[in-house]
C-alpha cells in the first residue's frame, strides 16, 4: 500500500511539474511571437526609410510630388519659334445666314434641351454645375445634352444635303 501511495505522490508531483513546464513554454512562445512581431516591424520601418532615402520620394507612390503638375508648369520659352500661332482667336460677328441657320437648329430643341446644351457648349459649364443650377440630376442633364446633339447632327446632315 505504501508503494502505491508513493507512486501516486510521485505521479502528482510529476503532473504538477509538467503543467508548470507547459505554462512556462507557452509563456516563452508568446514572448517569442511578440519579439518576432516587434523585430519585423522594425525591419519594415528601416526598409521603408532606406528606400525613401535612396529614391528621394515616398516608397509606394506612383508619381512623386515633383512630377504631379509637370504638364501644368510646362511653358514655351520662346514664342518666336511659332510666329503664326494665333493664341487668341479673333472675334467676329455672325452673318445673318449663319444666325438664321443657328436659330433653325436651336428652335427644334425643347426648352430644357436648349438650356442644357447652351450652358454646356456655349458657356462651358460642367454637367454637374448645370444640374445644380436647374435643380435636376446630372444624368438628366447628360441625356438632354445628348438629345440636343443628336437633333443638331440630324439637322446638319439634312442641311448639308440640301446645299
N, C-alpha and C. Protein backbone atom coordinates (compact mmCIF):
# COMPACT_ATOMS: atom_id res chain seq x y z
N UNK A 1 0.81 -1.17 0.00
CA UNK A 1 0.00 0.00 0.00
C UNK A 1 0.87 1.25 0.00
N UNK A 2 1.94 1.13 0.78
CA UNK A 2 2.84 2.25 0.87
C UNK A 2 3.47 2.53 -0.49
N UNK A 3 3.71 1.52 -1.25
CA UNK A 3 4.32 1.67 -2.57
C UNK A 3 3.38 2.37 -3.54
N UNK A 4 2.07 2.02 -3.43
CA UNK A 4 1.10 2.67 -4.30
C UNK A 4 0.94 4.14 -3.97
N UNK A 5 0.98 4.46 -2.69
CA UNK A 5 0.85 5.85 -2.24
C UNK A 5 2.04 6.67 -2.72
N UNK A 6 3.21 6.08 -2.64
CA UNK A 6 4.39 6.79 -3.11
C UNK A 6 4.33 6.99 -4.63
N UNK A 7 3.80 5.99 -5.35
CA UNK A 7 3.65 6.12 -6.80
C UNK A 7 2.67 7.24 -7.15
N UNK A 8 1.56 7.30 -6.41
CA UNK A 8 0.56 8.35 -6.66
C UNK A 8 1.14 9.74 -6.37
N UNK A 9 1.88 9.86 -5.26
CA UNK A 9 2.50 11.15 -4.92
C UNK A 9 3.53 11.55 -5.99
N UNK A 10 4.32 10.58 -6.43
CA UNK A 10 5.31 10.87 -7.45
C UNK A 10 4.62 11.29 -8.76
N UNK A 11 3.52 10.60 -9.06
CA UNK A 11 2.78 10.95 -10.27
C UNK A 11 2.18 12.35 -10.15
N UNK A 12 1.62 12.72 -9.00
CA UNK A 12 1.04 14.05 -8.80
C UNK A 12 2.12 15.13 -8.91
N UNK A 13 3.28 14.84 -8.30
CA UNK A 13 4.38 15.81 -8.38
C UNK A 13 4.84 15.95 -9.83
N UNK A 14 4.93 14.83 -10.55
CA UNK A 14 5.32 14.86 -11.96
C UNK A 14 4.31 15.62 -12.81
N UNK A 15 3.01 15.41 -12.54
CA UNK A 15 1.96 16.12 -13.28
C UNK A 15 2.04 17.62 -13.03
N UNK A 16 2.29 18.01 -11.76
CA UNK A 16 2.40 19.44 -11.43
C UNK A 16 3.58 20.07 -12.15
N UNK A 17 4.72 19.36 -12.12
CA UNK A 17 5.90 19.89 -12.79
C UNK A 17 5.66 19.99 -14.30
N UNK A 18 4.97 18.99 -14.86
CA UNK A 18 4.66 19.00 -16.28
C UNK A 18 3.76 20.19 -16.64
N UNK A 19 2.75 20.45 -15.80
CA UNK A 19 1.86 21.60 -16.03
C UNK A 19 2.64 22.91 -15.93
N UNK A 20 3.53 22.99 -14.93
CA UNK A 20 4.33 24.21 -14.77
C UNK A 20 5.23 24.42 -15.99
N UNK A 21 5.86 23.34 -16.47
CA UNK A 21 6.70 23.44 -17.66
C UNK A 21 5.88 23.83 -18.89
N UNK A 22 4.67 23.27 -19.00
CA UNK A 22 3.80 23.59 -20.13
C UNK A 22 3.43 25.07 -20.11
N UNK A 23 3.09 25.60 -18.96
CA UNK A 23 2.76 27.02 -18.82
C UNK A 23 3.98 27.88 -19.15
N UNK A 24 5.16 27.48 -18.66
CA UNK A 24 6.38 28.24 -18.93
C UNK A 24 6.69 28.25 -20.43
N UNK A 25 6.50 27.10 -21.10
CA UNK A 25 6.77 27.02 -22.54
C UNK A 25 5.79 27.91 -23.30
N UNK A 26 4.51 27.89 -22.92
CA UNK A 26 3.52 28.74 -23.59
C UNK A 26 3.84 30.21 -23.42
N UNK A 27 4.27 30.59 -22.22
CA UNK A 27 4.65 31.99 -21.97
C UNK A 27 5.86 32.37 -22.83
N UNK A 28 6.82 31.45 -22.93
CA UNK A 28 8.02 31.71 -23.73
C UNK A 28 7.66 31.84 -25.21
N UNK A 29 6.76 30.99 -25.69
CA UNK A 29 6.33 31.06 -27.09
C UNK A 29 5.64 32.40 -27.35
N UNK A 30 4.79 32.84 -26.43
CA UNK A 30 4.10 34.13 -26.57
C UNK A 30 5.11 35.27 -26.60
N UNK A 31 6.10 35.22 -25.71
CA UNK A 31 7.14 36.26 -25.70
C UNK A 31 7.93 36.24 -27.02
N UNK A 32 8.24 35.04 -27.52
CA UNK A 32 8.96 34.94 -28.79
C UNK A 32 8.14 35.53 -29.94
N UNK A 33 6.83 35.25 -29.95
CA UNK A 33 5.98 35.81 -31.01
C UNK A 33 5.93 37.33 -30.93
N UNK A 34 5.86 37.87 -29.72
CA UNK A 34 5.86 39.33 -29.56
C UNK A 34 7.19 39.91 -30.04
N UNK A 35 8.29 39.23 -29.68
CA UNK A 35 9.60 39.70 -30.12
C UNK A 35 9.70 39.67 -31.65
N UNK A 36 9.24 38.58 -32.27
CA UNK A 36 9.28 38.48 -33.73
C UNK A 36 8.47 39.60 -34.37
N UNK A 37 7.30 39.85 -33.82
CA UNK A 37 6.45 40.91 -34.36
C UNK A 37 7.13 42.27 -34.27
N UNK A 38 7.73 42.55 -33.13
CA UNK A 38 8.40 43.83 -32.95
C UNK A 38 9.63 43.95 -33.86
N UNK A 39 10.38 42.88 -34.00
CA UNK A 39 11.57 42.89 -34.87
C UNK A 39 11.15 43.07 -36.33
N UNK A 40 10.10 42.37 -36.77
CA UNK A 40 9.61 42.54 -38.15
C UNK A 40 9.14 43.96 -38.39
N UNK A 41 8.49 44.54 -37.40
CA UNK A 41 8.04 45.93 -37.53
C UNK A 41 9.23 46.87 -37.69
N UNK A 42 10.28 46.65 -36.91
CA UNK A 42 11.47 47.49 -37.00
C UNK A 42 12.15 47.31 -38.37
N UNK A 43 12.20 46.08 -38.86
CA UNK A 43 12.81 45.81 -40.17
C UNK A 43 12.03 46.53 -41.27
N UNK A 44 10.69 46.44 -41.21
CA UNK A 44 9.86 47.12 -42.22
C UNK A 44 10.06 48.63 -42.18
N UNK A 45 10.10 49.20 -40.97
CA UNK A 45 10.31 50.64 -40.84
C UNK A 45 11.65 51.06 -41.40
N UNK A 46 12.68 50.29 -41.10
CA UNK A 46 14.01 50.63 -41.60
C UNK A 46 14.10 50.47 -43.12
N UNK A 47 13.48 49.43 -43.66
CA UNK A 47 13.46 49.24 -45.12
C UNK A 47 12.75 50.41 -45.79
N UNK A 48 11.63 50.84 -45.21
CA UNK A 48 10.87 51.98 -45.73
C UNK A 48 11.74 53.23 -45.74
N UNK A 49 12.43 53.48 -44.62
CA UNK A 49 13.28 54.68 -44.51
C UNK A 49 14.44 54.62 -45.50
N UNK A 50 15.05 53.45 -45.65
CA UNK A 50 16.18 53.31 -46.58
C UNK A 50 15.71 53.52 -48.01
N UNK A 51 14.56 52.94 -48.39
CA UNK A 51 14.02 53.15 -49.74
C UNK A 51 13.74 54.63 -49.99
N UNK A 52 13.18 55.30 -48.99
CA UNK A 52 12.87 56.73 -49.12
C UNK A 52 14.15 57.53 -49.34
N UNK A 53 15.20 57.19 -48.56
CA UNK A 53 16.46 57.92 -48.69
C UNK A 53 17.15 57.63 -50.03
N UNK A 54 17.02 56.39 -50.52
CA UNK A 54 17.64 56.05 -51.80
C UNK A 54 16.97 56.77 -52.97
N UNK A 55 15.63 56.78 -52.98
CA UNK A 55 14.91 57.33 -54.13
C UNK A 55 14.59 58.81 -53.98
N UNK A 56 14.56 59.30 -52.77
CA UNK A 56 14.22 60.71 -52.56
C UNK A 56 12.73 60.96 -52.57
N UNK A 57 11.93 59.92 -52.59
CA UNK A 57 10.48 60.09 -52.52
C UNK A 57 9.87 58.92 -51.77
N UNK A 58 8.64 59.10 -51.35
CA UNK A 58 7.98 58.11 -50.53
C UNK A 58 7.81 56.79 -51.29
N UNK A 59 8.22 55.68 -50.72
CA UNK A 59 8.07 54.38 -51.38
C UNK A 59 6.59 54.04 -51.58
N UNK A 60 6.28 53.46 -52.73
CA UNK A 60 4.91 53.06 -53.00
C UNK A 60 4.12 54.10 -53.77
N UNK A 61 4.58 55.35 -53.79
CA UNK A 61 3.88 56.36 -54.58
C UNK A 61 4.13 56.09 -56.05
N UNK A 62 3.08 56.23 -56.84
CA UNK A 62 3.23 56.01 -58.28
C UNK A 62 3.96 57.17 -58.94
N UNK A 63 3.71 58.37 -58.41
CA UNK A 63 4.33 59.55 -59.01
C UNK A 63 4.70 60.49 -57.87
N UNK A 64 5.89 61.02 -57.92
CA UNK A 64 6.34 61.93 -56.88
C UNK A 64 5.68 63.29 -57.01
N UNK A 65 5.69 64.05 -55.94
CA UNK A 65 5.08 65.37 -55.93
C UNK A 65 5.75 66.29 -56.93
N UNK A 66 7.03 66.06 -57.20
CA UNK A 66 7.74 66.91 -58.15
C UNK A 66 7.27 66.67 -59.59
N UNK A 67 6.57 65.56 -59.85
CA UNK A 67 6.08 65.26 -61.20
C UNK A 67 4.57 65.48 -61.33
N UNK A 68 3.91 65.86 -60.25
CA UNK A 68 2.45 65.92 -60.25
C UNK A 68 1.90 66.85 -61.32
N UNK A 69 2.38 68.06 -61.38
CA UNK A 69 1.78 69.01 -62.31
C UNK A 69 2.78 69.42 -63.39
N UNK A 70 3.52 68.46 -63.90
CA UNK A 70 4.55 68.77 -64.88
C UNK A 70 3.94 69.37 -66.14
N UNK A 71 2.76 68.92 -66.51
CA UNK A 71 2.15 69.45 -67.72
C UNK A 71 1.59 70.85 -67.50
N UNK A 72 1.18 71.15 -66.28
CA UNK A 72 0.66 72.48 -65.99
C UNK A 72 1.78 73.51 -65.93
N UNK A 73 2.97 73.07 -65.52
CA UNK A 73 4.08 74.00 -65.36
C UNK A 73 4.88 74.19 -66.64
N UNK A 74 4.62 73.38 -67.67
CA UNK A 74 5.36 73.48 -68.91
C UNK A 74 4.95 74.75 -69.65
N UNK A 75 5.91 75.54 -70.03
CA UNK A 75 5.63 76.78 -70.76
C UNK A 75 6.60 76.90 -71.92
N UNK A 76 6.12 77.49 -72.99
CA UNK A 76 7.02 77.73 -74.12
C UNK A 76 7.90 78.92 -73.78
N UNK A 77 9.19 78.73 -73.89
CA UNK A 77 10.13 79.78 -73.53
C UNK A 77 10.22 80.82 -74.62
N UNK A 78 10.30 80.39 -75.87
CA UNK A 78 10.50 81.32 -76.96
C UNK A 78 9.32 81.23 -77.92
N UNK A 79 8.45 82.22 -77.91
CA UNK A 79 7.28 82.21 -78.77
C UNK A 79 7.64 82.56 -80.21
N UNK A 80 8.87 83.00 -80.46
CA UNK A 80 9.29 83.30 -81.83
C UNK A 80 9.39 82.02 -82.66
N UNK A 81 9.44 80.87 -81.99
CA UNK A 81 9.51 79.60 -82.72
C UNK A 81 8.23 79.36 -83.52
N UNK A 82 7.12 79.90 -83.02
CA UNK A 82 5.84 79.71 -83.69
C UNK A 82 5.18 81.07 -83.93
N UNK A 83 5.68 81.83 -84.87
CA UNK A 83 5.13 83.18 -85.06
C UNK A 83 3.71 83.19 -85.60
N UNK A 84 3.30 82.14 -86.30
CA UNK A 84 1.97 82.15 -86.89
C UNK A 84 0.91 81.63 -85.93
N UNK A 85 1.32 81.25 -84.76
CA UNK A 85 0.38 80.72 -83.78
C UNK A 85 -0.51 81.84 -83.27
N UNK A 86 -1.80 81.74 -83.53
CA UNK A 86 -2.75 82.75 -83.08
C UNK A 86 -3.37 82.26 -81.78
N UNK A 87 -2.88 82.77 -80.66
CA UNK A 87 -3.32 82.30 -79.36
C UNK A 87 -4.76 82.71 -79.09
N UNK A 88 -5.11 83.95 -79.37
CA UNK A 88 -6.47 84.43 -79.14
C UNK A 88 -7.17 84.52 -80.49
N UNK A 89 -8.17 83.67 -80.71
CA UNK A 89 -8.86 83.76 -82.00
C UNK A 89 -9.62 85.08 -82.09
N UNK A 90 -9.65 85.61 -83.28
CA UNK A 90 -10.32 86.91 -83.42
C UNK A 90 -11.83 86.72 -83.33
N UNK A 91 -12.47 87.67 -82.68
CA UNK A 91 -13.92 87.66 -82.54
C UNK A 91 -14.52 88.22 -83.82
N UNK A 92 -15.55 87.57 -84.30
CA UNK A 92 -16.21 88.10 -85.49
C UNK A 92 -17.71 88.01 -85.30
N UNK A 93 -18.39 88.84 -85.97
CA UNK A 93 -19.85 88.89 -85.92
C UNK A 93 -20.40 87.82 -86.86
N UNK A 94 -21.43 87.12 -86.41
CA UNK A 94 -22.06 86.13 -87.27
C UNK A 94 -22.85 86.84 -88.36
N UNK A 95 -22.80 86.28 -89.54
CA UNK A 95 -23.59 86.83 -90.64
C UNK A 95 -25.04 86.42 -90.45
N UNK A 96 -25.93 87.11 -91.12
CA UNK A 96 -27.36 86.83 -90.98
C UNK A 96 -27.71 85.40 -91.37
N UNK A 97 -27.07 84.87 -92.39
CA UNK A 97 -27.33 83.49 -92.83
C UNK A 97 -26.92 82.51 -91.73
N UNK A 98 -25.77 82.77 -91.11
CA UNK A 98 -25.29 81.90 -90.03
C UNK A 98 -26.21 81.99 -88.81
N UNK A 99 -26.66 83.21 -88.51
CA UNK A 99 -27.58 83.38 -87.38
C UNK A 99 -28.88 82.62 -87.63
N UNK A 100 -29.38 82.71 -88.84
CA UNK A 100 -30.63 82.03 -89.19
C UNK A 100 -30.47 80.52 -89.11
N UNK A 101 -29.33 80.00 -89.60
CA UNK A 101 -29.07 78.56 -89.55
C UNK A 101 -28.96 78.09 -88.10
N UNK A 102 -28.31 78.89 -87.28
CA UNK A 102 -28.18 78.55 -85.86
C UNK A 102 -29.55 78.54 -85.18
N UNK A 103 -30.36 79.53 -85.46
CA UNK A 103 -31.69 79.61 -84.87
C UNK A 103 -32.56 78.43 -85.34
N UNK A 104 -32.42 78.04 -86.61
CA UNK A 104 -33.18 76.90 -87.13
C UNK A 104 -32.81 75.61 -86.39
N UNK A 105 -31.54 75.47 -86.06
CA UNK A 105 -31.11 74.27 -85.35
C UNK A 105 -31.58 74.29 -83.90
N UNK A 106 -31.51 75.44 -83.26
CA UNK A 106 -31.87 75.52 -81.85
C UNK A 106 -33.38 75.52 -81.63
N UNK A 107 -34.15 75.94 -82.63
CA UNK A 107 -35.60 76.04 -82.46
C UNK A 107 -36.25 74.66 -82.32
N UNK A 108 -35.61 73.63 -82.89
CA UNK A 108 -36.16 72.28 -82.81
C UNK A 108 -35.95 71.64 -81.44
N UNK A 109 -35.10 72.23 -80.63
CA UNK A 109 -34.81 71.67 -79.31
C UNK A 109 -35.89 72.08 -78.32
N UNK A 110 -36.16 71.20 -77.35
CA UNK A 110 -37.09 71.58 -76.29
C UNK A 110 -36.42 72.64 -75.41
N UNK A 111 -37.22 73.27 -74.55
CA UNK A 111 -36.68 74.34 -73.70
C UNK A 111 -35.51 73.82 -72.85
N UNK A 112 -35.70 72.66 -72.21
CA UNK A 112 -34.65 72.10 -71.35
C UNK A 112 -33.44 71.68 -72.15
N UNK A 113 -33.64 71.07 -73.32
CA UNK A 113 -32.52 70.65 -74.15
C UNK A 113 -31.70 71.87 -74.56
N UNK A 114 -32.40 72.91 -75.00
CA UNK A 114 -31.72 74.14 -75.43
C UNK A 114 -30.96 74.76 -74.25
N UNK A 115 -31.62 74.80 -73.10
CA UNK A 115 -31.00 75.39 -71.91
C UNK A 115 -29.72 74.62 -71.54
N UNK A 116 -29.82 73.31 -71.43
CA UNK A 116 -28.66 72.49 -71.04
C UNK A 116 -27.56 72.55 -72.10
N UNK A 117 -27.95 72.48 -73.37
CA UNK A 117 -26.97 72.48 -74.46
C UNK A 117 -26.20 73.79 -74.50
N UNK A 118 -26.91 74.91 -74.41
CA UNK A 118 -26.24 76.21 -74.47
C UNK A 118 -25.35 76.45 -73.25
N UNK A 119 -25.83 76.06 -72.07
CA UNK A 119 -24.99 76.24 -70.87
C UNK A 119 -23.72 75.39 -70.97
N UNK A 120 -23.86 74.20 -71.52
CA UNK A 120 -22.70 73.30 -71.60
C UNK A 120 -21.75 73.69 -72.74
N UNK A 121 -22.30 73.89 -73.93
CA UNK A 121 -21.46 74.12 -75.10
C UNK A 121 -21.01 75.59 -75.23
N UNK A 122 -21.92 76.51 -74.98
CA UNK A 122 -21.59 77.93 -75.19
C UNK A 122 -20.93 78.55 -73.96
N UNK A 123 -21.45 78.21 -72.78
CA UNK A 123 -20.94 78.83 -71.56
C UNK A 123 -19.83 78.01 -70.91
N UNK A 124 -19.69 76.74 -71.30
CA UNK A 124 -18.62 75.91 -70.77
C UNK A 124 -18.88 75.37 -69.37
N UNK A 125 -20.14 75.30 -68.98
CA UNK A 125 -20.47 74.77 -67.65
C UNK A 125 -20.34 73.25 -67.66
N UNK A 126 -19.98 72.70 -66.51
CA UNK A 126 -19.94 71.25 -66.39
C UNK A 126 -21.38 70.75 -66.22
N UNK A 127 -21.56 69.47 -66.47
CA UNK A 127 -22.90 68.89 -66.33
C UNK A 127 -23.39 68.97 -64.90
N UNK A 128 -22.47 68.84 -63.94
CA UNK A 128 -22.86 68.92 -62.54
C UNK A 128 -23.29 70.34 -62.18
N UNK A 129 -22.59 71.34 -62.71
CA UNK A 129 -22.97 72.73 -62.44
C UNK A 129 -24.36 73.03 -63.02
N UNK A 130 -24.63 72.52 -64.20
CA UNK A 130 -25.95 72.72 -64.81
C UNK A 130 -27.02 72.04 -63.97
N UNK A 131 -26.74 70.81 -63.53
CA UNK A 131 -27.70 70.07 -62.71
C UNK A 131 -27.99 70.82 -61.42
N UNK A 132 -26.96 71.36 -60.79
CA UNK A 132 -27.16 72.12 -59.55
C UNK A 132 -27.98 73.38 -59.80
N UNK A 133 -27.70 74.06 -60.89
CA UNK A 133 -28.41 75.31 -61.21
C UNK A 133 -29.88 75.06 -61.53
N UNK A 134 -30.16 74.02 -62.31
CA UNK A 134 -31.53 73.74 -62.73
C UNK A 134 -32.27 72.83 -61.76
N UNK A 135 -31.57 72.40 -60.71
CA UNK A 135 -32.13 71.52 -59.68
C UNK A 135 -32.69 70.22 -60.27
N UNK A 136 -31.88 69.62 -61.14
CA UNK A 136 -32.17 68.30 -61.69
C UNK A 136 -30.93 67.45 -61.53
N UNK A 137 -31.04 66.17 -61.83
CA UNK A 137 -29.90 65.27 -61.64
C UNK A 137 -28.96 65.32 -62.83
N UNK A 138 -27.70 64.99 -62.57
CA UNK A 138 -26.67 65.04 -63.61
C UNK A 138 -26.98 64.13 -64.80
N UNK A 139 -27.44 62.86 -64.57
CA UNK A 139 -27.76 62.02 -65.74
C UNK A 139 -28.86 62.61 -66.61
N UNK A 140 -29.78 63.36 -66.00
CA UNK A 140 -30.83 64.01 -66.77
C UNK A 140 -30.24 65.08 -67.67
N UNK A 141 -29.32 65.87 -67.12
CA UNK A 141 -28.64 66.90 -67.91
C UNK A 141 -27.88 66.23 -69.06
N UNK A 142 -27.21 65.14 -68.76
CA UNK A 142 -26.44 64.42 -69.76
C UNK A 142 -27.36 63.95 -70.89
N UNK A 143 -28.54 63.46 -70.54
CA UNK A 143 -29.50 62.99 -71.53
C UNK A 143 -30.00 64.14 -72.40
N UNK A 144 -30.31 65.30 -71.78
CA UNK A 144 -30.76 66.46 -72.54
C UNK A 144 -29.70 66.91 -73.55
N UNK A 145 -28.45 66.95 -73.11
CA UNK A 145 -27.36 67.39 -74.00
C UNK A 145 -27.17 66.38 -75.13
N UNK A 146 -27.26 65.10 -74.80
CA UNK A 146 -27.11 64.06 -75.82
C UNK A 146 -28.23 64.16 -76.87
N UNK A 147 -29.47 64.36 -76.41
CA UNK A 147 -30.59 64.51 -77.35
C UNK A 147 -30.39 65.74 -78.23
N UNK A 148 -29.96 66.84 -77.62
CA UNK A 148 -29.74 68.07 -78.38
C UNK A 148 -28.66 67.85 -79.44
N UNK A 149 -27.60 67.19 -79.09
CA UNK A 149 -26.52 66.91 -80.06
C UNK A 149 -27.04 66.08 -81.23
N UNK A 150 -27.81 65.05 -80.89
CA UNK A 150 -28.35 64.19 -81.95
C UNK A 150 -29.27 64.97 -82.88
N UNK A 151 -30.13 65.81 -82.32
CA UNK A 151 -31.03 66.61 -83.16
C UNK A 151 -30.24 67.57 -84.04
N UNK A 152 -29.21 68.18 -83.49
CA UNK A 152 -28.39 69.12 -84.26
C UNK A 152 -27.63 68.38 -85.36
N UNK A 153 -27.12 67.19 -85.05
CA UNK A 153 -26.41 66.40 -86.07
C UNK A 153 -27.35 66.04 -87.22
N UNK A 154 -28.57 65.62 -86.88
CA UNK A 154 -29.54 65.29 -87.93
C UNK A 154 -29.87 66.52 -88.77
N UNK A 155 -30.04 67.64 -88.09
CA UNK A 155 -30.37 68.88 -88.80
C UNK A 155 -29.22 69.29 -89.71
N UNK A 156 -27.99 69.15 -89.21
CA UNK A 156 -26.81 69.49 -90.02
C UNK A 156 -26.69 68.59 -91.24
N UNK A 157 -26.92 67.30 -91.05
CA UNK A 157 -26.80 66.38 -92.18
C UNK A 157 -27.87 66.67 -93.23
N UNK A 158 -29.08 67.02 -92.80
CA UNK A 158 -30.13 67.40 -93.75
C UNK A 158 -29.78 68.71 -94.43
N UNK A 159 -29.23 69.64 -93.65
CA UNK A 159 -28.90 70.97 -94.17
C UNK A 159 -27.76 70.89 -95.19
N UNK A 160 -26.78 70.04 -94.95
CA UNK A 160 -25.66 69.92 -95.89
C UNK A 160 -26.07 69.16 -97.14
N UNK A 161 -27.05 68.25 -97.02
CA UNK A 161 -27.53 67.52 -98.20
C UNK A 161 -28.29 68.45 -99.14
N UNK A 162 -28.98 69.44 -98.59
CA UNK A 162 -29.75 70.38 -99.40
C UNK A 162 -28.81 71.27 -100.19
N UNK A 163 -27.73 71.69 -99.56
CA UNK A 163 -26.77 72.60 -100.19
C UNK A 163 -25.93 71.83 -101.12
